[in-house]
Amino acid sequence: MGKELELDVDIVTLLTDEGEVDCGIITVLKLDEKEYIAVSPLDEEGELSEEVWFYQFERDASGGDEHDIAFIEDEDEYEQVVDKFDEWLDTLEFEE
């Protein structure tokens, strides 16, 4: 991103192959009746890193906060999510 965007983010801990990773939730995107979550690992200072990870997001059906995330297996679906995220970023930059 060429310009720094200030985002208030919630923190989620993901279990990866390297262990637990604290990530900031950047946004939840809706695409074709599915939701996807964009997160960024936090650096040593607790700030968002340059990386953005995308997952399919399924809300807790009971209304609680036990949501599920899953890898996006389909390459075309993943690219569509990345494109949707880029559009979202463009909207943020336009609003500022």
PDB file of N, CA and C in Angstrom:
ATOM      1  N   MET A   1       0.840  -1.167   0.000  1.00  0.00           N
ATOM      2  CA  MET A   1       0.000   0.000   0.000  1.00  0.00           C
ATOM      3  C   MET A   1       0.889   1.236   0.000  1.00  0.00           C
ATOM      4  N   GLY A   2       0.665   2.114  -0.905  1.00  0.00           N
ATOM      5  CA  GLY A   2       1.473   3.299  -0.999  1.00  0.00           C
ATOM      6  C   GLY A   2       1.222   4.271   0.140  1.00  0.00           C
ATOM      7  N   LYS A   3       0.009   4.351   0.633  1.00  0.00           N
ATOM      8  CA  LYS A   3      -0.377   5.295   1.664  1.00  0.00           C
ATOM      9  C   LYS A   3      -0.775   4.523   2.911  1.00  0.00           C
ATOM     10  N   GLU A   4      -0.362   5.037   4.078  1.00  0.00           N
ATOM     11  CA  GLU A   4      -0.711   4.366   5.329  1.00  0.00           C
ATOM     12  C   GLU A   4      -2.173   4.611   5.664  1.00  0.00           C
ATOM     13  N   LEU A   5      -2.904   3.565   5.941  1.00  0.00           N
ATOM     14  CA  LEU A   5      -4.293   3.679   6.363  1.00  0.00           C
ATOM     15  C   LEU A   5      -4.374   3.309   7.839  1.00  0.00           C
ATOM     16  N   GLU A   6      -5.038   4.125   8.614  1.00  0.00           N
ATOM     17  CA  GLU A   6      -5.226   3.842  10.025  1.00  0.00           C
ATOM     18  C   GLU A   6      -6.488   3.003  10.188  1.00  0.00           C
ATOM     19  N   LEU A   7      -6.342   1.811  10.746  1.00  0.00           N
ATOM     20  CA  LEU A   7      -7.475   0.931  10.957  1.00  0.00           C
ATOM     21  C   LEU A   7      -7.538   0.516  12.416  1.00  0.00           C
ATOM     22  N   ASP A   8      -8.724   0.567  13.010  1.00  0.00           N
ATOM     23  CA  ASP A   8      -8.923  -0.020  14.327  1.00  0.00           C
ATOM     24  C   ASP A   8      -9.237  -1.490  14.095  1.00  0.00           C
ATOM     25  N   VAL A   9      -8.444  -2.377  14.690  1.00  0.00           N
ATOM     26  CA  VAL A   9      -8.625  -3.797  14.405  1.00  0.00           C
ATOM     27  C   VAL A   9      -8.813  -4.595  15.687  1.00  0.00           C
ATOM     28  N   ASP A  10      -9.606  -5.649  15.567  1.00  0.00           N
ATOM     29  CA  ASP A  10      -9.721  -6.648  16.622  1.00  0.00           C
ATOM     30  C   ASP A  10      -8.629  -7.675  16.393  1.00  0.00           C
ATOM     31  N   ILE A  11      -8.238  -8.356  17.450  1.00  0.00           N
ATOM     32  CA  ILE A  11      -7.160  -9.336  17.378  1.00  0.00           C
ATOM     33  C   ILE A  11      -7.749 -10.749  17.470  1.00  0.00           C
ATOM     34  N   VAL A  12      -7.210 -11.643  16.639  1.00  0.00           N
ATOM     35  CA  VAL A  12      -7.572 -13.049  16.669  1.00  0.00           C
ATOM     36  C   VAL A  12      -6.274 -13.853  16.671  1.00  0.00           C
ATOM     37  N   THR A  13      -6.258 -14.968  17.376  1.00  0.00           N
ATOM     38  CA  THR A  13      -5.083 -15.837  17.394  1.00  0.00           C
ATOM     39  C   THR A  13      -5.358 -17.037  16.512  1.00  0.00           C
ATOM     40  N   LEU A  14      -4.492 -17.231  15.504  1.00  0.00           N
ATOM     41  CA  LEU A  14      -4.629 -18.354  14.584  1.00  0.00           C
ATOM     42  C   LEU A  14      -3.565 -19.397  14.891  1.00  0.00           C
ATOM     43  N   LEU A  15      -3.918 -20.656  14.741  1.00  0.00           N
ATOM     44  CA  LEU A  15      -2.966 -21.749  14.893  1.00  0.00           C
ATOM     45  C   LEU A  15      -2.436 -22.107  13.512  1.00  0.00           C
ATOM     46  N   THR A  16      -1.137 -21.885  13.290  1.00  0.00           N
ATOM     47  CA  THR A  16      -0.507 -22.164  12.003  1.00  0.00           C
ATOM     48  C   THR A  16       0.522 -23.266  12.172  1.00  0.00           C
ATOM     49  N   ASP A  17       1.173 -23.639  11.083  1.00  0.00           N
ATOM     50  CA  ASP A  17       2.232 -24.643  11.152  1.00  0.00           C
ATOM     51  C   ASP A  17       3.384 -24.194  12.042  1.00  0.00           C
ATOM     52  N   GLU A  18       3.570 -22.860  12.169  1.00  0.00           N
ATOM     53  CA  GLU A  18       4.643 -22.311  12.989  1.00  0.00           C
ATOM     54  C   GLU A  18       4.204 -22.059  14.429  1.00  0.00           C
ATOM     55  N   GLY A  19       2.970 -22.382  14.766  1.00  0.00           N
ATOM     56  CA  GLY A  19       2.445 -22.147  16.109  1.00  0.00           C
ATOM     57  C   GLY A  19       1.357 -21.088  16.085  1.00  0.00           C
ATOM     58  N   GLU A  20       1.090 -20.509  17.250  1.00  0.00           N
ATOM     59  CA  GLU A  20       0.054 -19.494  17.351  1.00  0.00           C
ATOM     60  C   GLU A  20       0.561 -18.160  16.819  1.00  0.00           C
ATOM     61  N   VAL A  21      -0.289 -17.484  16.046  1.00  0.00           N
ATOM     62  CA  VAL A  21       0.049 -16.184  15.475  1.00  0.00           C
ATOM     63  C   VAL A  21      -1.094 -15.224  15.770  1.00  0.00           C
ATOM     64  N   ASP A  22      -0.764 -14.120  16.451  1.00  0.00           N
ATOM     65  CA  ASP A  22      -1.760 -13.080  16.672  1.00  0.00           C
ATOM     66  C   ASP A  22      -1.899 -12.270  15.391  1.00  0.00           C
ATOM     67  N   CYS A  23      -3.149 -12.071  14.977  1.00  0.00           N
ATOM     68  CA  CYS A  23      -3.436 -11.339  13.745  1.00  0.00           C
ATOM     69  C   CYS A  23      -4.489 -10.280  14.013  1.00  0.00           C
ATOM     70  N   GLY A  24      -4.370  -9.191  13.290  1.00  0.00           N
ATOM     71  CA  GLY A  24      -5.399  -8.166  13.323  1.00  0.00           C
ATOM     72  C   GLY A  24      -6.415  -8.443  12.235  1.00  0.00           C
ATOM     73  N   ILE A  25      -7.684  -8.362  12.588  1.00  0.00           N
ATOM     74  CA  ILE A  25      -8.747  -8.533  11.595  1.00  0.00           C
ATOM     75  C   ILE A  25      -8.885  -7.217  10.848  1.00  0.00           C
ATOM     76  N   ILE A  26      -8.648  -7.251   9.548  1.00  0.00           N
ATOM     77  CA  ILE A  26      -8.726  -6.040   8.743  1.00  0.00           C
ATOM     78  C   ILE A  26     -10.161  -5.784   8.312  1.00  0.00           C
ATOM     79  N   THR A  27     -10.797  -6.793   7.744  1.00  0.00           N
ATOM     80  CA  THR A  27     -12.188  -6.642   7.304  1.00  0.00           C
ATOM     81  C   THR A  27     -12.785  -8.012   7.019  1.00  0.00           C
ATOM     82  N   VAL A  28     -14.104  -8.031   6.936  1.00  0.00           N
ATOM     83  CA  VAL A  28     -14.842  -9.204   6.473  1.00  0.00           C
ATOM     84  C   VAL A  28     -15.520  -8.779   5.177  1.00  0.00           C
ATOM     85  N   LEU A  29     -15.322  -9.578   4.140  1.00  0.00           N
ATOM     86  CA  LEU A  29     -15.855  -9.278   2.812  1.00  0.00           C
ATOM     87  C   LEU A  29     -16.946 -10.278   2.453  1.00  0.00           C
ATOM     88  N   LYS A  30     -17.956  -9.825   1.740  1.00  0.00           N
ATOM     89  CA  LYS A  30     -19.004 -10.727   1.263  1.00  0.00           C
ATOM     90  C   LYS A  30     -18.877 -10.854  -0.246  1.00  0.00           C
ATOM     91  N   LEU A  31     -18.890 -12.089  -0.727  1.00  0.00           N
ATOM     92  CA  LEU A  31     -18.746 -12.369  -2.150  1.00  0.00           C
ATOM     93  C   LEU A  31     -19.545 -13.623  -2.476  1.00  0.00           C
ATOM     94  N   ASP A  32     -20.503 -13.500  -3.372  1.00  0.00           N
ATOM     95  CA  ASP A  32     -21.324 -14.640  -3.802  1.00  0.00           C
ATOM     96  C   ASP A  32     -21.912 -15.416  -2.631  1.00  0.00           C
ATOM     97  N   GLU A  33     -22.584 -14.700  -1.731  1.00  0.00           N
ATOM     98  CA  GLU A  33     -23.286 -15.310  -0.593  1.00  0.00           C
ATOM     99  C   GLU A  33     -22.363 -15.960   0.430  1.00  0.00           C
ATOM    100  N   LYS A  34     -21.049 -15.795   0.288  1.00  0.00           N
ATOM    101  CA  LYS A  34     -20.091 -16.301   1.282  1.00  0.00           C
ATOM    102  C   LYS A  34     -19.370 -15.108   1.889  1.00  0.00           C
ATOM    103  N   GLU A  35     -18.849 -15.324   3.093  1.00  0.00           N
ATOM    104  CA  GLU A  35     -18.047 -14.284   3.729  1.00  0.00           C
ATOM    105  C   GLU A  35     -16.600 -14.746   3.823  1.00  0.00           C
ATOM    106  N   TYR A  36     -15.705 -13.776   3.737  1.00  0.00           N
ATOM    107  CA  TYR A  36     -14.269 -14.021   3.812  1.00  0.00           C
ATOM    108  C   TYR A  36     -13.664 -13.016   4.769  1.00  0.00           C
ATOM    109  N   ILE A  37     -12.606 -13.415   5.446  1.00  0.00           N
ATOM    110  CA  ILE A  37     -11.959 -12.533   6.403  1.00  0.00           C
ATOM    111  C   ILE A  37     -10.531 -12.256   5.929  1.00  0.00           C
ATOM    112  N   ALA A  38     -10.125 -11.005   6.063  1.00  0.00           N
ATOM    113  CA  ALA A  38      -8.762 -10.590   5.753  1.00  0.00           C
ATOM    114  C   ALA A  38      -8.082 -10.262   7.073  1.00  0.00           C
ATOM    115  N   VAL A  39      -6.957 -10.920   7.339  1.00  0.00           N
ATOM    116  CA  VAL A  39      -6.211 -10.687   8.574  1.00  0.00           C
ATOM    117  C   VAL A  39      -4.755 -10.408   8.234  1.00  0.00           C
ATOM    118  N   SER A  40      -4.066  -9.779   9.178  1.00  0.00           N
ATOM    119  CA  SER A  40      -2.649  -9.499   9.004  1.00  0.00           C
ATOM    120  C   SER A  40      -1.922  -9.871  10.288  1.00  0.00           C
ATOM    121  N   PRO A  41      -0.841 -10.662  10.181  1.00  0.00           N
ATOM    122  CA  PRO A  41      -0.070 -10.996  11.381  1.00  0.00           C
ATOM    123  C   PRO A  41       0.468  -9.716  12.026  1.00  0.00           C
ATOM    124  N   LEU A  42       0.526  -9.714  13.349  1.00  0.00           N
ATOM    125  CA  LEU A  42       1.056  -8.564  14.060  1.00  0.00           C
ATOM    126  C   LEU A  42       2.568  -8.700  14.206  1.00  0.00           C
ATOM    127  N   ASP A  43       3.270  -7.571  14.094  1.00  0.00           N
ATOM    128  CA  ASP A  43       4.729  -7.595  14.270  1.00  0.00           C
ATOM    129  C   ASP A  43       5.061  -7.508  15.763  1.00  0.00           C
ATOM    130  N   GLU A  44       6.342  -7.374  16.080  1.00  0.00           N
ATOM    131  CA  GLU A  44       6.796  -7.364  17.475  1.00  0.00           C
ATOM    132  C   GLU A  44       6.186  -6.220  18.287  1.00  0.00           C
ATOM    133  N   GLU A  45       5.866  -5.098  17.622  1.00  0.00           N
ATOM    134  CA  GLU A  45       5.272  -3.945  18.309  1.00  0.00           C
ATOM    135  C   GLU A  45       3.750  -4.024  18.373  1.00  0.00           C
ATOM    136  N   GLY A  46       3.172  -5.109  17.868  1.00  0.00           N
ATOM    137  CA  GLY A  46       1.726  -5.257  17.869  1.00  0.00           C
ATOM    138  C   GLY A  46       1.035  -4.513  16.745  1.00  0.00           C
ATOM    139  N   GLU A  47       1.805  -4.136  15.723  1.00  0.00           N
ATOM    140  CA  GLU A  47       1.262  -3.433  14.564  1.00  0.00           C
ATOM    141  C   GLU A  47       1.018  -4.427  13.430  1.00  0.00           C
ATOM    142  N   LEU A  48       0.092  -4.084  12.533  1.00  0.00           N
ATOM    143  CA  LEU A  48      -0.163  -4.932  11.370  1.00  0.00           C
ATOM    144  C   LEU A  48       1.086  -5.022  10.514  1.00  0.00           C
ATOM    145  N   SER A  49       1.376  -6.209  10.019  1.00  0.00           N
ATOM    146  CA  SER A  49       2.510  -6.395   9.115  1.00  0.00           C
ATOM    147  C   SER A  49       2.073  -6.063   7.690  1.00  0.00           C
ATOM    148  N   GLU A  50       2.966  -6.226   6.755  1.00  0.00           N
ATOM    149  CA  GLU A  50       2.651  -5.981   5.342  1.00  0.00           C
ATOM    150  C   GLU A  50       1.850  -7.126   4.727  1.00  0.00           C
ATOM    151  N   GLU A  51       1.866  -8.291   5.360  1.00  0.00           N
ATOM    152  CA  GLU A  51       1.171  -9.470   4.824  1.00  0.00           C
ATOM    153  C   GLU A  51      -0.325  -9.396   5.097  1.00  0.00           C
ATOM    154  N   VAL A  52      -1.113  -9.924   4.166  1.00  0.00           N
ATOM    155  CA  VAL A  52      -2.552 -10.078   4.373  1.00  0.00           C
ATOM    156  C   VAL A  52      -2.902 -11.518   4.018  1.00  0.00           C
ATOM    157  N   TRP A  53      -3.583 -12.178   4.944  1.00  0.00           N
ATOM    158  CA  TRP A  53      -4.030 -13.549   4.733  1.00  0.00           C
ATOM    159  C   TRP A  53      -5.547 -13.544   4.586  1.00  0.00           C
ATOM    160  N   PHE A  54      -6.049 -14.388   3.694  1.00  0.00           N
ATOM    161  CA  PHE A  54      -7.486 -14.465   3.434  1.00  0.00           C
ATOM    162  C   PHE A  54      -7.996 -15.869   3.758  1.00  0.00           C
ATOM    163  N   TYR A  55      -9.159 -15.912   4.402  1.00  0.00           N
ATOM    164  CA  TYR A  55      -9.807 -17.177   4.746  1.00  0.00           C
ATOM    165  C   TYR A  55     -11.306 -17.059   4.499  1.00  0.00           C
ATOM    166  N   GLN A  56     -11.934 -18.213   4.280  1.00  0.00           N
ATOM    167  CA  GLN A  56     -13.389 -18.233   4.257  1.00  0.00           C
ATOM    168  C   GLN A  56     -13.846 -18.092   5.708  1.00  0.00           C
ATOM    169  N   PHE A  57     -14.903 -17.328   5.918  1.00  0.00           N
ATOM    170  CA  PHE A  57     -15.362 -16.993   7.262  1.00  0.00           C
ATOM    171  C   PHE A  57     -16.792 -17.465   7.437  1.00  0.00           C
ATOM    172  N   GLU A  58     -17.040 -18.240   8.490  1.00  0.00           N
ATOM    173  CA  GLU A  58     -18.391 -18.707   8.783  1.00  0.00           C
ATOM    174  C   GLU A  58     -18.769 -18.257  10.184  1.00  0.00           C
ATOM    175  N   ARG A  59     -19.815 -17.435  10.239  1.00  0.00           N
ATOM    176  CA  ARG A  59     -20.264 -16.906  11.529  1.00  0.00           C
ATOM    177  C   ARG A  59     -20.907 -18.007  12.375  1.00  0.00           C
ATOM    178  N   ASP A  60     -20.800 -17.845  13.668  1.00  0.00           N
ATOM    179  CA  ASP A  60     -21.426 -18.738  14.634  1.00  0.00           C
ATOM    180  C   ASP A  60     -22.935 -18.681  14.430  1.00  0.00           C
ATOM    181  N   ALA A  61     -23.542 -19.791  14.048  1.00  0.00           N
ATOM    182  CA  ALA A  61     -24.973 -19.840  13.744  1.00  0.00           C
ATOM    183  C   ALA A  61     -25.838 -19.560  14.971  1.00  0.00           C
ATOM    184  N   SER A  62     -25.287 -19.760  16.172  1.00  0.00           N
ATOM    185  CA  SER A  62     -26.058 -19.532  17.390  1.00  0.00           C
ATOM    186  C   SER A  62     -26.028 -18.070  17.827  1.00  0.00           C
ATOM    187  N   GLY A  63     -25.288 -17.230  17.068  1.00  0.00           N
ATOM    188  CA  GLY A  63     -25.204 -15.817  17.419  1.00  0.00           C
ATOM    189  C   GLY A  63     -24.075 -15.498  18.379  1.00  0.00           C
ATOM    190  N   GLY A  64     -23.301 -16.510  18.747  1.00  0.00           N
ATOM    191  CA  GLY A  64     -22.174 -16.302  19.655  1.00  0.00           C
ATOM    192  C   GLY A  64     -20.945 -15.803  18.917  1.00  0.00           C
ATOM    193  N   ASP A  65     -19.798 -15.938  19.565  1.00  0.00           N
ATOM    194  CA  ASP A  65     -18.565 -15.453  18.952  1.00  0.00           C
ATOM    195  C   ASP A  65     -17.585 -16.582  18.628  1.00  0.00           C
ATOM    196  N   GLU A  66     -18.100 -17.785  18.443  1.00  0.00           N
ATOM    197  CA  GLU A  66     -17.280 -18.942  18.072  1.00  0.00           C
ATOM    198  C   GLU A  66     -17.348 -19.148  16.560  1.00  0.00           C
ATOM    199  N   HIS A  67     -16.745 -18.229  15.816  1.00  0.00           N
ATOM    200  CA  HIS A  67     -16.777 -18.276  14.361  1.00  0.00           C
ATOM    201  C   HIS A  67     -15.714 -19.246  13.846  1.00  0.00           C
ATOM    202  N   ASP A  68     -15.900 -19.731  12.628  1.00  0.00           N
ATOM    203  CA  ASP A  68     -14.941 -20.638  12.003  1.00  0.00           C
ATOM    204  C   ASP A  68     -14.305 -19.966  10.800  1.00  0.00           C
ATOM    205  N   ILE A  69     -13.034 -20.292  10.567  1.00  0.00           N
ATOM    206  CA  ILE A  69     -12.380 -19.878   9.339  1.00  0.00           C
ATOM    207  C   ILE A  69     -11.808 -21.121   8.673  1.00  0.00           C
ATOM    208  N   ALA A  70     -11.694 -21.055   7.359  1.00  0.00           N
ATOM    209  CA  ALA A  70     -11.172 -22.191   6.591  1.00  0.00           C
ATOM    210  C   ALA A  70     -10.330 -21.664   5.437  1.00  0.00           C
ATOM    211  N   PHE A  71      -9.359 -22.460   5.038  1.00  0.00           N
ATOM    212  CA  PHE A  71      -8.549 -22.104   3.879  1.00  0.00           C
ATOM    213  C   PHE A  71      -9.432 -22.001   2.639  1.00  0.00           C
ATOM    214  N   ILE A  72      -9.065 -21.120   1.744  1.00  0.00           N
ATOM    215  CA  ILE A  72      -9.744 -21.010   0.454  1.00  0.00           C
ATOM    216  C   ILE A  72      -8.981 -21.927  -0.492  1.00  0.00           C
ATOM    217  N   GLU A  73      -9.550 -23.073  -0.803  1.00  0.00           N
ATOM    218  CA  GLU A  73      -8.869 -24.099  -1.596  1.00  0.00           C
ATOM    219  C   GLU A  73      -8.823 -23.773  -3.087  1.00  0.00           C
ATOM    220  N   ASP A  74      -9.891 -23.158  -3.600  1.00  0.00           N
ATOM    221  CA  ASP A  74     -10.003 -22.892  -5.031  1.00  0.00           C
ATOM    222  C   ASP A  74      -9.227 -21.627  -5.404  1.00  0.00           C
ATOM    223  N   GLU A  75      -8.317 -21.753  -6.361  1.00  0.00           N
ATOM    224  CA  GLU A  75      -7.460 -20.640  -6.768  1.00  0.00           C
ATOM    225  C   GLU A  75      -8.260 -19.474  -7.357  1.00  0.00           C
ATOM    226  N   ASP A  76      -9.275 -19.777  -8.178  1.00  0.00           N
ATOM    227  CA  ASP A  76     -10.110 -18.725  -8.763  1.00  0.00           C
ATOM    228  C   ASP A  76     -10.891 -17.978  -7.683  1.00  0.00           C
ATOM    229  N   GLU A  77     -11.421 -18.726  -6.737  1.00  0.00           N
ATOM    230  CA  GLU A  77     -12.156 -18.121  -5.627  1.00  0.00           C
ATOM    231  C   GLU A  77     -11.220 -17.208  -4.818  1.00  0.00           C
ATOM    232  N   TYR A  78     -10.001 -17.679  -4.568  1.00  0.00           N
ATOM    233  CA  TYR A  78      -9.017 -16.884  -3.831  1.00  0.00           C
ATOM    234  C   TYR A  78      -8.734 -15.566  -4.561  1.00  0.00           C
ATOM    235  N   GLU A  79      -8.536 -15.636  -5.873  1.00  0.00           N
ATOM    236  CA  GLU A  79      -8.257 -14.434  -6.665  1.00  0.00           C
ATOM    237  C   GLU A  79      -9.429 -13.452  -6.624  1.00  0.00           C
ATOM    238  N   GLN A  80     -10.649 -13.975  -6.614  1.00  0.00           N
ATOM    239  CA  GLN A  80     -11.829 -13.114  -6.522  1.00  0.00           C
ATOM    240  C   GLN A  80     -11.856 -12.380  -5.177  1.00  0.00           C
ATOM    241  N   VAL A  81     -11.460 -13.078  -4.121  1.00  0.00           N
ATOM    242  CA  VAL A  81     -11.415 -12.465  -2.794  1.00  0.00           C
ATOM    243  C   VAL A  81     -10.346 -11.374  -2.754  1.00  0.00           C
ATOM    244  N   VAL A  82      -9.186 -11.640  -3.334  1.00  0.00           N
ATOM    245  CA  VAL A  82      -8.115 -10.641  -3.384  1.00  0.00           C
ATOM    246  C   VAL A  82      -8.592  -9.405  -4.158  1.00  0.00           C
ATOM    247  N   ASP A  83      -9.264  -9.617  -5.271  1.00  0.00           N
ATOM    248  CA  ASP A  83      -9.795  -8.497  -6.059  1.00  0.00           C
ATOM    249  C   ASP A  83     -10.809  -7.692  -5.245  1.00  0.00           C
ATOM    250  N   LYS A  84     -11.685  -8.380  -4.522  1.00  0.00           N
ATOM    251  CA  LYS A  84     -12.685  -7.709  -3.681  1.00  0.00           C
ATOM    252  C   LYS A  84     -11.991  -6.897  -2.583  1.00  0.00           C
ATOM    253  N   PHE A  85     -10.924  -7.437  -2.005  1.00  0.00           N
ATOM    254  CA  PHE A  85     -10.155  -6.728  -0.984  1.00  0.00           C
ATOM    255  C   PHE A  85      -9.515  -5.469  -1.575  1.00  0.00           C
ATOM    256  N   ASP A  86      -8.947  -5.589  -2.768  1.00  0.00           N
ATOM    257  CA  ASP A  86      -8.354  -4.428  -3.436  1.00  0.00           C
ATOM    258  C   ASP A  86      -9.397  -3.337  -3.674  1.00  0.00           C
ATOM    259  N   GLU A  87     -10.604  -3.733  -4.075  1.00  0.00           N
ATOM    260  CA  GLU A  87     -11.695  -2.768  -4.260  1.00  0.00           C
ATOM    261  C   GLU A  87     -12.019  -2.087  -2.934  1.00  0.00           C
ATOM    262  N   TRP A  88     -12.049  -2.853  -1.848  1.00  0.00           N
ATOM    263  CA  TRP A  88     -12.327  -2.308  -0.520  1.00  0.00           C
ATOM    264  C   TRP A  88     -11.252  -1.296  -0.137  1.00  0.00           C
ATOM    265  N   LEU A  89      -9.982  -1.628  -0.388  1.00  0.00           N
ATOM    266  CA  LEU A  89      -8.888  -0.697  -0.094  1.00  0.00           C
ATOM    267  C   LEU A  89      -9.034   0.591  -0.895  1.00  0.00           C
ATOM    268  N   ASP A  90      -9.376   0.463  -2.172  1.00  0.00           N
ATOM    269  CA  ASP A  90      -9.575   1.644  -3.010  1.00  0.00           C
ATOM    270  C   ASP A  90     -10.671   2.543  -2.439  1.00  0.00           C
ATOM    271  N   THR A  91     -11.741   1.932  -1.935  1.00  0.00           N
ATOM    272  CA  THR A  91     -12.834   2.695  -1.333  1.00  0.00           C
ATOM    273  C   THR A  91     -12.346   3.457  -0.109  1.00  0.00           C
ATOM    274  N   LEU A  92     -11.525   2.803   0.727  1.00  0.00           N
ATOM    275  CA  LEU A  92     -10.984   3.469   1.921  1.00  0.00           C
ATOM    276  C   LEU A  92     -10.120   4.660   1.541  1.00  0.00           C
ATOM    277  N   GLU A  93      -9.248   4.455   0.571  1.00  0.00           N
ATOM    278  CA  GLU A  93      -8.355   5.534   0.146  1.00  0.00           C
ATOM    279  C   GLU A  93      -9.141   6.684  -0.459  1.00  0.00           C
ATOM    280  N   PHE A  94     -10.208   6.389  -1.184  1.00  0.00           N
ATOM    281  CA  PHE A  94     -11.048   7.421  -1.781  1.00  0.00           C
ATOM    282  C   PHE A  94     -11.749   8.242  -0.708  1.00  0.00           C
ATOM    283  N   GLU A  95     -12.209   7.566   0.355  1.00  0.00           N
ATOM    284  CA  GLU A  95     -12.921   8.250   1.423  1.00  0.00           C
ATOM    285  C   GLU A  95     -12.018   9.169   2.215  1.00  0.00           C
ATOM    286  N   GLU A  96     -10.720   8.867   2.283  1.00  0.00           N
ATOM    287  CA  GLU A  96      -9.781   9.732   3.003  1.00  0.00           C
ATOM    288  C   GLU A  96      -9.387  10.818   2.090  1.00  0.00           C
TER     289      GLU A  96
END
